[in-house]
Amino acid sequence: MKRVALAVGSMWLMMGCGGAELDVASAEQAGALEQRGGTTSYATPPTPTTGTQTYTRTGLTGANCTVTQQIGRSLDGTKMYSYCVVTCKDKTAINMHNTLYNRDLPGQIVCGSPTAGGLDRTSQSVECSGPYTPGGYSDSCFVDIYFKNIGQYASGTTPYWQF
């Protein structure tokens, strides 16, 4: 029954969000689709980093969401991490992924996270990491929100920060 509900909900979400992909394999709490009321959180804390830069935007979409993006260097100095978390005041469907860029590399892309998300949640996060190379780093976070039958975007790109 859960699979049927998830499949129907996923089709409903994709049709309303211009074909956005919903990751049905995301790690979510058991019974999340049946839960009513209260606050449900699916965001995981970021990996600890040093020199962390943060970019936050608030009041996004009808669900009153906040998107926070962080870029930092690993504590041992060998990797770069980008983290994006969305938190909403109202439960909604969230679908998201992020990409870390280094403008000083030929291909510019350092890493990309898998797509994550699901229905009936107040938060979701994604993270990716790649090898550290000196340069200017920026994170692009794509966030697709489906709230009260309306597909909305809360995507954003950070400024470039030198690491």
C-alpha atoms as a PDB file:
ATOM      1  CA  MET A   1       0.000   0.000   0.000  1.00  0.00           C
ATOM      2  CA  LYS A   2       2.894   2.346   0.801  1.00  0.00           C
ATOM      3  CA  ARG A   3       4.424   1.721  -2.650  1.00  0.00           C
ATOM      4  CA  VAL A   4       1.151   2.514  -4.393  1.00  0.00           C
ATOM      5  CA  ALA A   5       0.697   5.706  -2.372  1.00  0.00           C
ATOM      6  CA  LEU A   6       4.298   6.731  -3.036  1.00  0.00           C
ATOM      7  CA  ALA A   7       4.030   5.969  -6.765  1.00  0.00           C
ATOM      8  CA  VAL A   8       0.795   7.951  -7.097  1.00  0.00           C
ATOM      9  CA  GLY A   9       2.227  10.814  -5.037  1.00  0.00           C
ATOM     10  CA  SER A  10       5.398  10.812  -7.122  1.00  0.00           C
ATOM     11  CA  MET A  11       3.455  10.987 -10.381  1.00  0.00           C
ATOM     12  CA  TRP A  12       1.330  13.809  -8.946  1.00  0.00           C
ATOM     13  CA  LEU A  13       4.478  15.688  -7.888  1.00  0.00           C
ATOM     14  CA  MET A  14       6.224  15.232 -11.238  1.00  0.00           C
ATOM     15  CA  MET A  15       3.201  16.395 -13.217  1.00  0.00           C
ATOM     16  CA  GLY A  16       2.884  19.533 -11.085  1.00  0.00           C
ATOM     17  CA  CYS A  17       6.584  20.404 -11.144  1.00  0.00           C
ATOM     18  CA  GLY A  18       7.293  20.307 -14.839  1.00  0.00           C
ATOM     19  CA  GLY A  19       8.662  16.783 -14.791  1.00  0.00           C
ATOM     20  CA  ALA A  20      11.007  17.192 -11.837  1.00  0.00           C
ATOM     21  CA  GLU A  21      12.441  13.918 -10.646  1.00  0.00           C
ATOM     22  CA  LEU A  22      11.500  12.665  -7.180  1.00  0.00           C
ATOM     23  CA  ASP A  23      13.948  10.334  -5.506  1.00  0.00           C
ATOM     24  CA  VAL A  24      11.723   7.585  -4.112  1.00  0.00           C
ATOM     25  CA  ALA A  25      14.798   5.847  -2.719  1.00  0.00           C
ATOM     26  CA  SER A  26      15.670   8.675  -0.331  1.00  0.00           C
ATOM     27  CA  ALA A  27      16.207   7.721   3.282  1.00  0.00           C
ATOM     28  CA  GLU A  28      13.044   8.733   5.064  1.00  0.00           C
ATOM     29  CA  GLN A  29      11.507   7.814   8.362  1.00  0.00           C
ATOM     30  CA  ALA A  30       9.165   4.824   8.462  1.00  0.00           C
ATOM     31  CA  GLY A  31       5.532   5.849   8.207  1.00  0.00           C
ATOM     32  CA  ALA A  32       6.346   9.349   6.953  1.00  0.00           C
ATOM     33  CA  LEU A  33       3.521   9.310   4.415  1.00  0.00           C
ATOM     34  CA  GLU A  34       0.961   8.375   7.054  1.00  0.00           C
ATOM     35  CA  GLN A  35       2.137  10.904   9.636  1.00  0.00           C
ATOM     36  CA  ARG A  36      -0.256  13.692  10.536  1.00  0.00           C
ATOM     37  CA  GLY A  37       0.616  16.874  12.430  1.00  0.00           C
ATOM     38  CA  GLY A  38       3.790  17.701  14.293  1.00  0.00           C
ATOM     39  CA  THR A  39       7.141  18.554  12.785  1.00  0.00           C
ATOM     40  CA  THR A  40       8.990  16.092  10.589  1.00  0.00           C
ATOM     41  CA  SER A  41      12.635  16.648   9.763  1.00  0.00           C
ATOM     42  CA  TYR A  42      14.694  14.856   7.131  1.00  0.00           C
ATOM     43  CA  ALA A  43      17.750  17.129   7.066  1.00  0.00           C
ATOM     44  CA  THR A  44      21.075  15.692   8.153  1.00  0.00           C
ATOM     45  CA  PRO A  45      23.806  17.849   9.709  1.00  0.00           C
ATOM     46  CA  PRO A  46      26.641  18.934   7.421  1.00  0.00           C
ATOM     47  CA  THR A  47      30.073  17.343   7.604  1.00  0.00           C
ATOM     48  CA  PRO A  48      32.264  19.512   9.886  1.00  0.00           C
ATOM     49  CA  THR A  49      34.437  21.861   7.826  1.00  0.00           C
ATOM     50  CA  THR A  50      36.832  24.737   8.343  1.00  0.00           C
ATOM     51  CA  GLY A  51      36.584  28.223   6.819  1.00  0.00           C
ATOM     52  CA  THR A  52      32.890  27.592   6.174  1.00  0.00           C
ATOM     53  CA  GLN A  53      30.993  30.212   4.159  1.00  0.00           C
ATOM     54  CA  THR A  54      27.183  30.388   4.427  1.00  0.00           C
ATOM     55  CA  TYR A  55      24.532  31.823   2.101  1.00  0.00           C
ATOM     56  CA  THR A  56      20.918  31.980   3.395  1.00  0.00           C
ATOM     57  CA  ARG A  57      17.663  33.034   1.757  1.00  0.00           C
ATOM     58  CA  THR A  58      14.375  33.183   3.698  1.00  0.00           C
ATOM     59  CA  GLY A  59      10.619  33.434   3.062  1.00  0.00           C
ATOM     60  CA  LEU A  60      10.742  31.412  -0.157  1.00  0.00           C
ATOM     61  CA  THR A  61       7.656  29.787  -1.710  1.00  0.00           C
ATOM     62  CA  GLY A  62       4.174  29.538  -0.232  1.00  0.00           C
ATOM     63  CA  ALA A  63       5.472  27.070   2.379  1.00  0.00           C
ATOM     64  CA  ASN A  64       7.708  29.854   3.812  1.00  0.00           C
ATOM     65  CA  CYS A  65      10.983  28.011   3.277  1.00  0.00           C
ATOM     66  CA  THR A  66      14.555  28.954   4.135  1.00  0.00           C
ATOM     67  CA  VAL A  67      17.430  27.667   2.003  1.00  0.00           C
ATOM     68  CA  THR A  68      20.911  27.640   3.530  1.00  0.00           C
ATOM     69  CA  GLN A  69      23.974  26.751   1.470  1.00  0.00           C
ATOM     70  CA  GLN A  70      27.407  26.137   2.996  1.00  0.00           C
ATOM     71  CA  ILE A  71      30.821  25.595   1.455  1.00  0.00           C
ATOM     72  CA  GLY A  72      33.801  24.521   3.537  1.00  0.00           C
ATOM     73  CA  ARG A  73      37.122  22.715   3.447  1.00  0.00           C
ATOM     74  CA  SER A  74      37.533  19.393   5.248  1.00  0.00           C
ATOM     75  CA  LEU A  75      39.306  19.482   8.605  1.00  0.00           C
ATOM     76  CA  ASP A  76      42.290  17.601   7.110  1.00  0.00           C
ATOM     77  CA  GLY A  77      42.405  20.077   4.177  1.00  0.00           C
ATOM     78  CA  THR A  78      42.071  17.492   1.381  1.00  0.00           C
ATOM     79  CA  LYS A  79      38.401  17.920   0.351  1.00  0.00           C
ATOM     80  CA  MET A  80      35.786  20.567  -0.293  1.00  0.00           C
ATOM     81  CA  TYR A  81      32.190  20.099   0.868  1.00  0.00           C
ATOM     82  CA  SER A  82      29.025  21.821  -0.232  1.00  0.00           C
ATOM     83  CA  TYR A  83      25.841  21.451   1.784  1.00  0.00           C
ATOM     84  CA  CYS A  84      22.343  22.709   1.068  1.00  0.00           C
ATOM     85  CA  VAL A  85      19.400  22.458   3.458  1.00  0.00           C
ATOM     86  CA  VAL A  86      15.830  23.648   3.027  1.00  0.00           C
ATOM     87  CA  THR A  87      13.522  24.075   6.027  1.00  0.00           C
ATOM     88  CA  CYS A  88       9.863  25.022   5.634  1.00  0.00           C
ATOM     89  CA  LYS A  89       7.275  26.191   8.157  1.00  0.00           C
ATOM     90  CA  ASP A  90       4.607  24.030   6.500  1.00  0.00           C
ATOM     91  CA  LYS A  91       4.847  20.420   5.368  1.00  0.00           C
ATOM     92  CA  THR A  92       5.380  20.171   1.637  1.00  0.00           C
ATOM     93  CA  ALA A  93       6.947  18.027  -1.070  1.00  0.00           C
ATOM     94  CA  ILE A  94      10.647  18.789  -1.561  1.00  0.00           C
ATOM     95  CA  ASN A  95      12.981  17.659  -4.339  1.00  0.00           C
ATOM     96  CA  MET A  96      16.565  18.945  -4.460  1.00  0.00           C
ATOM     97  CA  HIS A  97      20.211  18.494  -5.458  1.00  0.00           C
ATOM     98  CA  ASN A  98      23.337  20.642  -5.417  1.00  0.00           C
ATOM     99  CA  THR A  99      26.543  21.123  -7.403  1.00  0.00           C
ATOM    100  CA  LEU A 100      29.860  22.547  -6.211  1.00  0.00           C
ATOM    101  CA  TYR A 101      31.917  24.586  -8.689  1.00  0.00           C
ATOM    102  CA  ASN A 102      35.526  25.809  -8.738  1.00  0.00           C
ATOM    103  CA  ARG A 103      35.846  28.535 -11.370  1.00  0.00           C
ATOM    104  CA  ASP A 104      39.604  27.981 -11.547  1.00  0.00           C
ATOM    105  CA  LEU A 105      39.318  24.379 -12.772  1.00  0.00           C
ATOM    106  CA  PRO A 106      38.966  23.630 -16.511  1.00  0.00           C
ATOM    107  CA  GLY A 107      35.670  21.735 -16.117  1.00  0.00           C
ATOM    108  CA  GLN A 108      34.594  23.828 -13.090  1.00  0.00           C
ATOM    109  CA  ILE A 109      32.404  21.072 -11.529  1.00  0.00           C
ATOM    110  CA  VAL A 110      33.923  19.640  -8.342  1.00  0.00           C
ATOM    111  CA  CYS A 111      30.999  17.407  -7.294  1.00  0.00           C
ATOM    112  CA  GLY A 112      27.251  16.941  -7.439  1.00  0.00           C
ATOM    113  CA  SER A 113      24.898  15.410  -4.931  1.00  0.00           C
ATOM    114  CA  PRO A 114      22.300  12.783  -5.730  1.00  0.00           C
ATOM    115  CA  THR A 115      18.730  14.058  -5.934  1.00  0.00           C
ATOM    116  CA  ALA A 116      16.889  13.735  -2.624  1.00  0.00           C
ATOM    117  CA  GLY A 117      13.412  14.507  -1.429  1.00  0.00           C
ATOM    118  CA  GLY A 118       9.926  13.250  -0.821  1.00  0.00           C
ATOM    119  CA  LEU A 119       6.431  14.134   0.284  1.00  0.00           C
ATOM    120  CA  ASP A 120       5.049  15.546   3.528  1.00  0.00           C
ATOM    121  CA  ARG A 121       8.211  16.981   5.093  1.00  0.00           C
ATOM    122  CA  THR A 122       9.468  20.195   6.617  1.00  0.00           C
ATOM    123  CA  SER A 123      13.128  19.846   5.675  1.00  0.00           C
ATOM    124  CA  GLN A 124      15.566  18.114   3.383  1.00  0.00           C
ATOM    125  CA  SER A 125      19.300  18.384   2.803  1.00  0.00           C
ATOM    126  CA  VAL A 126      21.928  17.313   0.276  1.00  0.00           C
ATOM    127  CA  GLU A 127      25.723  17.328   0.408  1.00  0.00           C
ATOM    128  CA  CYS A 128      28.605  16.568  -1.932  1.00  0.00           C
ATOM    129  CA  SER A 129      32.386  16.560  -1.670  1.00  0.00           C
ATOM    130  CA  GLY A 130      35.352  16.549  -4.004  1.00  0.00           C
ATOM    131  CA  PRO A 131      39.128  16.999  -3.883  1.00  0.00           C
ATOM    132  CA  TYR A 132      40.460  20.373  -2.765  1.00  0.00           C
ATOM    133  CA  THR A 133      42.213  22.530  -5.341  1.00  0.00           C
ATOM    134  CA  PRO A 134      42.886  26.218  -4.575  1.00  0.00           C
ATOM    135  CA  GLY A 135      40.360  28.468  -6.273  1.00  0.00           C
ATOM    136  CA  GLY A 136      37.029  30.261  -6.159  1.00  0.00           C
ATOM    137  CA  TYR A 137      34.180  27.995  -5.047  1.00  0.00           C
ATOM    138  CA  SER A 138      30.433  28.408  -5.520  1.00  0.00           C
ATOM    139  CA  ASP A 139      27.457  26.141  -4.768  1.00  0.00           C
ATOM    140  CA  SER A 140      24.346  25.877  -6.902  1.00  0.00           C
ATOM    141  CA  CYS A 141      21.355  24.351  -5.122  1.00  0.00           C
ATOM    142  CA  PHE A 142      18.245  23.363  -7.067  1.00  0.00           C
ATOM    143  CA  VAL A 143      15.163  23.167  -4.808  1.00  0.00           C
ATOM    144  CA  ASP A 144      11.770  22.196  -6.209  1.00  0.00           C
ATOM    145  CA  ILE A 145       8.825  22.711  -3.800  1.00  0.00           C
ATOM    146  CA  TYR A 146       5.293  21.472  -4.435  1.00  0.00           C
ATOM    147  CA  PHE A 147       2.945  23.195  -2.003  1.00  0.00           C
ATOM    148  CA  LYS A 148      -0.870  23.368  -2.125  1.00  0.00           C
ATOM    149  CA  ASN A 149      -0.966  22.080  -5.716  1.00  0.00           C
ATOM    150  CA  ILE A 150       1.541  24.654  -6.954  1.00  0.00           C
ATOM    151  CA  GLY A 151       5.072  23.857  -8.113  1.00  0.00           C
ATOM    152  CA  GLN A 152       7.558  26.491  -6.953  1.00  0.00           C
ATOM    153  CA  TYR A 153      11.333  26.876  -7.044  1.00  0.00           C
ATOM    154  CA  ALA A 154      13.672  28.041  -4.298  1.00  0.00           C
ATOM    155  CA  SER A 155      16.908  27.481  -6.210  1.00  0.00           C
ATOM    156  CA  GLY A 156      19.976  29.644  -5.750  1.00  0.00           C
ATOM    157  CA  THR A 157      23.694  30.044  -6.359  1.00  0.00           C
ATOM    158  CA  THR A 158      26.153  31.358  -3.809  1.00  0.00           C
ATOM    159  CA  PRO A 159      28.771  33.999  -4.543  1.00  0.00           C
ATOM    160  CA  TYR A 160      32.269  32.668  -5.305  1.00  0.00           C
ATOM    161  CA  TRP A 161      34.455  32.300  -2.219  1.00  0.00           C
ATOM    162  CA  GLN A 162      38.220  31.817  -2.344  1.00  0.00           C
ATOM    163  CA  PHE A 163      39.591  28.712  -0.588  1.00  0.00           C
END
